[in-house]
Amino acid sequence: MERKDRYPLKNLNTFGIDVAARHYVRFDAEKEIFEYLRRPPLAEATYLILGGGSNFLFTGDFPGTVFHPALKGISIVEEGASHLSVKAMAGEKWDELVAFAVNNRWGGIENLSYIPGTVGASVVQNIGAYGVEVRSVIQRVETIDVPTGKRAVFSGQECGFGYRTSRFKKEGCDRFLITAVVFLLRKNPRFVLDYPGVAEKVQALGDPCLKSVRRAIIDIRKQKLPDPAVIGNAGSFFKNPIVEKQKMERLVKNNPDLPHYPLSDGRFKLAAGWLIDRCGWKGKQVGRVAVHDRQALVLVNRGQATGREILSFSEKIRQSVEQKYGILLEREVRVVEPTM
């Protein structure tokens, strides 16, 4: 366990925002968390659970304590004829878990290749890409209830998953510190290739297999998305809006090329990137913040931008889309204010 005061968070958020936490605690083992939470409470009640920071936007220094779970390890906890349960600790890098699974011929998460962040964060956000969401393979989530210091385990069905959300994001945010996740993976993979462009990319690499699917997804993502290690960003800044059928029909009547996708509940998901692009924002830069020139859903830090600058820039985009299409985009990133 490491404890520090006035700890810089620039390397713990992929936007590269230069802020600090009043207190910082890194946990390297589960027992350290239990021991720490048995101590008398800190002077301030404010705390934040931070993994790789790939979905955070800090608008200033954090006035409380940052808990950084750095627990590592991957193991098989149960194995059957067709499936196996793989336990990954929360601090493992998500894409390293995907690579590990693919190299061992375990299917289920290959379409989620090259997504930044940690295993723990993948659950909070219910990450998804190219026709797959992580909730489809989650068997259980092991956590510690911070206020009580007690263990709490949730089945996949108890996690309250929704589009880019979960109970860990909606209900008492930061209440549960995720320590490990158990994934149910397949020994005989079923490839999901119906997302536009994926099948063609896989075929160009040869016969479909886990490695060719992973390679195809990585190539597609690299073509569309900037690397946070090169230029600060948090991936998709906005969620794709979900609207009722009537609204979708009105929008498509006036905009026949608007991408729209039917959902199981009768509603439709629209392409936020298309809306932003049609409002003239794609590639546009204001000060030190810009919309990426290849993917309008991504905002980038062109160098030393503050969180306030990025937030203000994003609000201008939201207002523009709302004025033109009557849709208020919802941020996918979590904004962390100094006074929270």
Protein backbone atom coordinates (compact mmCIF):
# COMPACT_ATOMS: atom_id res chain seq x y z
CA MET A 1 0.00 0.00 0.00
CA GLU A 2 1.22 3.49 -0.83
CA ARG A 3 -0.13 6.66 0.78
CA LYS A 4 0.69 10.16 -0.43
CA ASP A 5 -0.55 13.72 0.04
CA ARG A 6 -0.93 16.26 -2.77
CA TYR A 7 -0.58 13.44 -5.27
CA PRO A 8 -0.45 14.39 -8.99
CA LEU A 9 -3.11 12.69 -11.12
CA LYS A 10 -1.86 13.67 -14.57
CA ASN A 11 -0.73 10.12 -15.28
CA LEU A 12 -3.93 8.66 -13.85
CA ASN A 13 -6.33 10.27 -16.33
CA THR A 14 -6.09 9.75 -20.08
CA PHE A 15 -6.97 13.38 -20.85
CA GLY A 16 -3.67 14.23 -19.16
CA ILE A 17 -5.25 16.93 -17.00
CA ASP A 18 -2.69 18.36 -14.58
CA VAL A 19 -4.51 18.09 -11.26
CA ALA A 20 -3.76 16.61 -7.86
CA ALA A 21 -5.58 14.73 -5.11
CA ARG A 22 -5.41 15.96 -1.53
CA HIS A 23 -4.76 12.36 -0.45
CA TYR A 24 -3.93 9.25 -2.47
CA VAL A 25 -3.96 5.59 -1.44
CA ARG A 26 -2.87 2.76 -3.74
CA PHE A 27 -3.93 -0.75 -2.80
CA ASP A 28 -1.84 -3.67 -4.05
CA ALA A 29 -3.72 -6.42 -2.21
CA GLU A 30 -7.28 -6.94 -1.04
CA LYS A 31 -6.26 -7.27 2.60
CA GLU A 32 -4.82 -3.75 2.48
CA ILE A 33 -8.25 -2.38 1.61
CA PHE A 34 -9.90 -4.13 4.57
CA GLU A 35 -7.15 -2.93 6.90
CA TYR A 36 -7.37 0.65 5.66
CA LEU A 37 -11.15 0.82 5.98
CA ARG A 38 -10.96 -0.36 9.60
CA ARG A 39 -9.03 2.80 10.48
CA PRO A 40 -10.82 5.87 11.90
CA PRO A 41 -12.46 7.84 9.08
CA LEU A 42 -10.48 10.57 7.36
CA ALA A 43 -11.17 14.19 8.22
CA GLU A 44 -13.08 14.58 4.97
CA ALA A 45 -15.72 12.16 3.76
CA THR A 46 -14.98 12.81 0.08
CA TYR A 47 -13.31 9.98 -1.79
CA LEU A 48 -13.03 8.74 -5.34
CA ILE A 49 -12.20 5.30 -6.77
CA LEU A 50 -9.86 5.70 -9.72
CA GLY A 51 -8.50 2.97 -11.96
CA GLY A 52 -6.82 4.01 -15.21
CA GLY A 53 -8.80 7.25 -15.49
CA SER A 54 -9.89 6.51 -19.07
CA ASN A 55 -13.41 7.82 -18.48
CA PHE A 56 -12.78 10.81 -16.21
CA LEU A 57 -12.59 14.55 -16.74
CA PHE A 58 -11.15 16.46 -13.80
CA THR A 59 -12.03 20.15 -13.72
CA GLY A 60 -9.73 20.91 -10.78
CA ASP A 61 -7.82 19.40 -7.90
CA PHE A 62 -9.67 16.67 -6.03
CA PRO A 63 -10.29 17.79 -2.42
CA GLY A 64 -10.57 14.33 -0.86
CA THR A 65 -8.92 10.91 -1.08
CA VAL A 66 -8.35 8.94 -4.25
CA PHE A 67 -8.48 5.17 -3.82
CA HIS A 68 -6.44 3.48 -6.54
CA PRO A 69 -6.98 -0.32 -6.65
CA ALA A 70 -3.87 -1.80 -8.29
CA LEU A 71 -4.71 -5.44 -7.57
CA LYS A 72 -3.23 -7.80 -10.18
CA GLY A 73 -3.71 -11.42 -11.21
CA ILE A 74 -5.60 -13.65 -13.65
CA SER A 75 -6.65 -17.20 -12.84
CA ILE A 76 -9.09 -19.96 -13.82
CA VAL A 77 -11.60 -20.56 -11.02
CA GLU A 78 -13.78 -23.18 -12.72
CA GLU A 79 -13.61 -25.12 -15.97
CA GLY A 80 -16.18 -27.15 -17.86
CA ALA A 81 -16.44 -28.86 -21.22
CA SER A 82 -17.46 -25.77 -23.18
CA HIS A 83 -16.86 -22.81 -20.83
CA LEU A 84 -14.48 -21.64 -18.16
CA SER A 85 -14.67 -19.01 -15.44
CA VAL A 86 -11.72 -16.64 -15.46
CA LYS A 87 -11.08 -14.32 -12.53
CA ALA A 88 -9.24 -11.07 -13.23
CA MET A 89 -8.27 -8.63 -10.51
CA ALA A 90 -9.58 -5.08 -10.87
CA GLY A 91 -6.21 -3.44 -11.47
CA GLU A 92 -5.36 -5.52 -14.52
CA LYS A 93 -5.28 -3.54 -17.75
CA TRP A 94 -8.35 -4.45 -19.76
CA ASP A 95 -6.60 -5.01 -23.08
CA GLU A 96 -3.98 -7.22 -21.46
CA LEU A 97 -6.80 -9.44 -20.23
CA VAL A 98 -8.24 -9.58 -23.76
CA ALA A 99 -4.84 -10.51 -25.18
CA PHE A 100 -4.42 -13.18 -22.50
CA ALA A 101 -7.82 -14.68 -23.32
CA VAL A 102 -7.21 -14.66 -27.07
CA ASN A 103 -3.77 -16.25 -26.69
CA ASN A 104 -5.37 -19.03 -24.63
CA ARG A 105 -8.19 -19.48 -27.18
CA TRP A 106 -10.91 -18.30 -24.83
CA GLY A 107 -13.69 -16.46 -26.64
CA GLY A 108 -16.13 -13.76 -25.62
CA ILE A 109 -14.18 -10.51 -25.26
CA GLU A 110 -12.11 -10.33 -28.45
CA ASN A 111 -14.41 -7.63 -29.92
CA LEU A 112 -13.53 -5.45 -26.92
CA SER A 113 -9.85 -5.34 -27.87
CA TYR A 114 -7.79 -2.17 -27.49
CA ILE A 115 -10.18 -0.42 -25.12
CA PRO A 116 -8.17 1.53 -22.54
CA GLY A 117 -8.74 1.27 -18.82
CA THR A 118 -8.78 -1.45 -16.19
CA VAL A 119 -10.83 -4.57 -15.55
CA GLY A 120 -12.67 -2.88 -12.69
CA ALA A 121 -13.58 0.11 -14.83
CA SER A 122 -14.90 -2.15 -17.59
CA VAL A 123 -17.71 -3.21 -15.27
CA VAL A 124 -18.57 0.27 -14.03
CA GLN A 125 -18.88 1.53 -17.58
CA ASN A 126 -20.26 -1.66 -19.15
CA ILE A 127 -17.83 -1.14 -21.99
CA GLY A 128 -19.00 -2.14 -25.44
CA ALA A 129 -17.77 -2.14 -29.01
CA TYR A 130 -18.47 -3.79 -32.36
CA GLY A 131 -21.62 -5.59 -31.29
CA VAL A 132 -20.46 -6.84 -27.87
CA GLU A 133 -20.91 -5.48 -24.34
CA VAL A 134 -18.89 -6.75 -21.40
CA ARG A 135 -22.05 -7.58 -19.43
CA SER A 136 -22.62 -10.52 -21.77
CA VAL A 137 -19.66 -12.39 -20.22
CA ILE A 138 -19.72 -11.23 -16.59
CA GLN A 139 -20.48 -14.03 -14.14
CA ARG A 140 -19.91 -12.12 -10.91
CA VAL A 141 -18.28 -8.98 -9.54
CA GLU A 142 -16.42 -9.01 -6.23
CA THR A 143 -16.41 -5.73 -4.32
CA ILE A 144 -15.88 -4.12 -0.94
CA ASP A 145 -18.64 -1.88 0.39
CA VAL A 146 -16.55 1.15 1.39
CA PRO A 147 -18.92 2.62 4.04
CA THR A 148 -19.15 -0.70 5.91
CA GLY A 149 -15.79 -2.24 4.99
CA LYS A 150 -17.53 -5.53 4.19
CA ARG A 151 -17.29 -7.78 1.16
CA ALA A 152 -20.17 -7.67 -1.34
CA VAL A 153 -20.49 -9.99 -4.35
CA PHE A 154 -22.90 -9.37 -7.24
CA SER A 155 -23.97 -11.74 -9.98
CA GLY A 156 -23.99 -10.38 -13.51
CA GLN A 157 -27.78 -10.05 -13.28
CA GLU A 158 -27.46 -7.96 -10.11
CA CYS A 159 -25.12 -5.39 -11.66
CA GLY A 160 -27.90 -3.28 -13.18
CA PHE A 161 -26.22 -3.06 -16.56
CA GLY A 162 -27.49 -0.62 -19.17
CA TYR A 163 -26.04 1.22 -22.12
CA ARG A 164 -22.59 2.33 -20.90
CA THR A 165 -23.66 2.13 -17.27
CA SER A 166 -24.15 -0.18 -14.28
CA ARG A 167 -25.27 -0.02 -10.66
CA PHE A 168 -21.69 0.92 -9.79
CA LYS A 169 -22.06 4.09 -11.84
CA LYS A 170 -25.70 4.91 -11.09
CA GLU A 171 -26.32 3.79 -7.52
CA GLY A 172 -24.18 5.39 -4.83
CA CYS A 173 -21.28 6.12 -7.14
CA ASP A 174 -17.99 5.00 -5.50
CA ARG A 175 -19.80 3.07 -2.78
CA PHE A 176 -18.45 -0.26 -4.00
CA LEU A 177 -14.75 -0.72 -4.67
CA ILE A 178 -14.43 -3.49 -7.25
CA THR A 179 -11.63 -5.93 -6.40
CA ALA A 180 -12.14 -8.68 -9.01
CA VAL A 181 -14.39 -9.78 -11.86
CA VAL A 182 -15.19 -13.34 -12.95
CA PHE A 183 -15.84 -13.75 -16.67
CA LEU A 184 -17.55 -16.71 -18.31
CA LEU A 185 -15.61 -17.37 -21.52
CA ARG A 186 -16.10 -19.96 -24.26
CA LYS A 187 -13.72 -22.68 -25.34
CA ASN A 188 -15.47 -22.80 -28.72
CA PRO A 189 -15.79 -19.14 -29.72
CA ARG A 190 -18.80 -17.70 -31.49
CA PHE A 191 -17.62 -14.82 -33.58
CA VAL A 192 -19.63 -11.58 -33.70
CA LEU A 193 -18.86 -10.09 -37.09
CA ASP A 194 -22.09 -8.35 -38.09
CA TYR A 195 -20.96 -4.85 -37.11
CA PRO A 196 -20.31 -2.84 -40.31
CA GLY A 197 -16.78 -3.34 -41.59
CA VAL A 198 -15.70 -6.04 -39.14
CA ALA A 199 -16.39 -9.13 -41.28
CA GLU A 200 -14.58 -7.62 -44.28
CA LYS A 201 -11.56 -6.75 -42.16
CA VAL A 202 -11.43 -10.24 -40.64
CA GLN A 203 -11.75 -11.92 -44.03
CA ALA A 204 -8.85 -9.86 -45.34
CA LEU A 205 -6.72 -11.37 -42.57
CA GLY A 206 -7.72 -14.96 -43.40
CA ASP A 207 -10.11 -17.45 -41.85
CA PRO A 208 -11.97 -16.15 -38.78
CA CYS A 209 -10.24 -16.99 -35.52
CA LEU A 210 -9.79 -15.19 -32.22
CA LYS A 211 -6.48 -13.67 -33.26
CA SER A 212 -7.77 -12.42 -36.60
CA VAL A 213 -10.83 -10.86 -34.96
CA ARG A 214 -8.65 -9.16 -32.35
CA ARG A 215 -6.25 -7.93 -35.04
CA ALA A 216 -9.14 -6.60 -37.13
CA ILE A 217 -10.69 -4.74 -34.18
CA ILE A 218 -7.35 -3.21 -33.22
CA ASP A 219 -6.73 -2.08 -36.81
CA ILE A 220 -10.19 -0.51 -37.05
CA ARG A 221 -9.82 1.28 -33.71
CA LYS A 222 -6.37 2.59 -34.61
CA GLN A 223 -7.73 4.01 -37.87
CA LYS A 224 -10.58 5.81 -36.12
CA LEU A 225 -9.42 6.66 -32.62
CA PRO A 226 -6.42 8.54 -31.24
CA ASP A 227 -4.04 6.82 -28.84
CA PRO A 228 -4.32 8.42 -25.34
CA ALA A 229 -0.58 7.83 -24.92
CA VAL A 230 0.00 10.19 -27.85
CA ILE A 231 -2.79 12.75 -27.48
CA GLY A 232 -4.98 13.20 -24.42
CA ASN A 233 -8.54 11.89 -24.79
CA ALA A 234 -11.08 9.68 -23.06
CA GLY A 235 -12.45 7.85 -26.09
CA SER A 236 -16.11 8.54 -26.80
CA PHE A 237 -17.02 11.68 -24.89
CA PHE A 238 -20.76 11.37 -25.58
CA LYS A 239 -23.20 8.47 -25.58
CA ASN A 240 -25.15 7.60 -28.70
CA PRO A 241 -28.64 8.97 -27.97
CA ILE A 242 -31.60 6.62 -27.69
CA VAL A 243 -34.96 7.95 -28.90
CA GLU A 244 -38.53 6.79 -29.36
CA LYS A 245 -39.62 5.50 -32.77
CA GLN A 246 -41.71 8.58 -33.54
CA LYS A 247 -38.79 10.93 -32.97
CA MET A 248 -36.49 8.75 -35.03
CA GLU A 249 -38.96 8.79 -37.92
CA ARG A 250 -39.23 12.59 -37.81
CA LEU A 251 -35.47 12.96 -37.82
CA VAL A 252 -34.93 10.45 -40.62
CA LYS A 253 -37.62 12.10 -42.73
CA ASN A 254 -35.58 15.31 -42.74
CA ASN A 255 -32.20 13.53 -42.67
CA PRO A 256 -32.48 10.30 -44.72
CA ASP A 257 -28.81 9.39 -44.18
CA LEU A 258 -28.99 9.58 -40.37
CA PRO A 259 -27.64 6.24 -39.02
CA HIS A 260 -30.17 4.60 -36.70
CA TYR A 261 -30.28 1.18 -35.09
CA PRO A 262 -33.35 -0.60 -33.68
CA LEU A 263 -33.25 -1.78 -30.06
CA SER A 264 -35.12 -4.67 -28.49
CA ASP A 265 -37.48 -2.32 -26.61
CA GLY A 266 -38.75 -0.63 -29.77
CA ARG A 267 -36.58 2.47 -29.42
CA PHE A 268 -33.71 3.46 -31.70
CA LYS A 269 -30.08 4.34 -31.11
CA LEU A 270 -28.75 7.24 -33.17
CA ALA A 271 -25.15 7.99 -34.09
CA ALA A 272 -23.94 10.88 -31.94
CA GLY A 273 -20.82 11.24 -34.08
CA TRP A 274 -22.97 11.84 -37.15
CA LEU A 275 -25.00 14.53 -35.35
CA ILE A 276 -21.84 16.28 -34.14
CA ASP A 277 -20.26 16.07 -37.58
CA ARG A 278 -23.35 17.54 -39.27
CA CYS A 279 -23.23 20.45 -36.86
CA GLY A 280 -19.79 21.28 -38.20
CA TRP A 281 -17.68 20.22 -35.24
CA LYS A 282 -15.60 17.37 -36.64
CA GLY A 283 -11.95 18.46 -36.67
CA LYS A 284 -12.77 21.85 -35.18
CA GLN A 285 -10.39 23.30 -32.60
CA VAL A 286 -11.00 26.04 -30.05
CA GLY A 287 -7.98 27.02 -28.03
CA ARG A 288 -6.30 23.86 -26.75
CA VAL A 289 -9.28 21.53 -27.26
CA ALA A 290 -10.55 19.92 -30.46
CA VAL A 291 -12.91 17.36 -31.92
CA HIS A 292 -10.90 14.56 -33.45
CA ASP A 293 -10.74 14.79 -37.24
CA ARG A 294 -11.57 11.11 -37.78
CA GLN A 295 -14.11 10.46 -35.02
CA ALA A 296 -16.45 13.24 -33.95
CA LEU A 297 -17.33 11.47 -30.68
CA VAL A 298 -13.81 12.04 -29.39
CA LEU A 299 -12.59 15.28 -27.84
CA VAL A 300 -8.83 15.71 -27.62
CA ASN A 301 -6.48 17.72 -25.47
CA ARG A 302 -4.15 19.47 -27.90
CA GLY A 303 -1.76 20.37 -25.13
CA GLN A 304 -2.08 21.58 -21.54
CA ALA A 305 -5.84 22.12 -21.76
CA THR A 306 -7.65 22.31 -18.44
CA GLY A 307 -10.66 20.23 -17.57
CA ARG A 308 -12.75 23.41 -17.51
CA GLU A 309 -11.75 24.18 -21.10
CA ILE A 310 -12.72 20.70 -22.25
CA LEU A 311 -16.02 20.80 -20.37
CA SER A 312 -16.89 24.23 -21.77
CA PHE A 313 -16.04 23.06 -25.28
CA SER A 314 -18.25 19.98 -24.85
CA GLU A 315 -21.17 22.14 -23.71
CA LYS A 316 -20.97 24.18 -26.90
CA ILE A 317 -21.24 20.95 -28.89
CA ARG A 318 -24.24 19.79 -26.84
CA GLN A 319 -26.02 23.11 -27.35
CA SER A 320 -25.35 23.01 -31.08
CA VAL A 321 -26.77 19.50 -31.49
CA GLU A 322 -29.79 20.31 -29.35
CA GLN A 323 -30.59 23.44 -31.35
CA LYS A 324 -30.34 21.66 -34.70
CA TYR A 325 -31.83 18.24 -33.91
CA GLY A 326 -33.68 18.62 -30.60
CA ILE A 327 -31.42 16.04 -28.92
CA LEU A 328 -29.41 16.80 -25.79
CA LEU A 329 -26.36 14.55 -25.86
CA GLU A 330 -25.39 12.80 -22.64
CA ARG A 331 -21.75 12.73 -21.65
CA GLU A 332 -20.17 9.29 -21.41
CA VAL A 333 -17.22 10.58 -19.38
CA ARG A 334 -17.57 11.28 -15.68
CA VAL A 335 -16.92 14.92 -14.79
CA VAL A 336 -15.21 15.29 -11.42
CA GLU A 337 -15.69 18.77 -9.95
CA PRO A 338 -13.45 20.11 -7.14
CA THR A 339 -16.51 20.62 -4.91
CA MET A 340 -18.07 17.16 -5.38
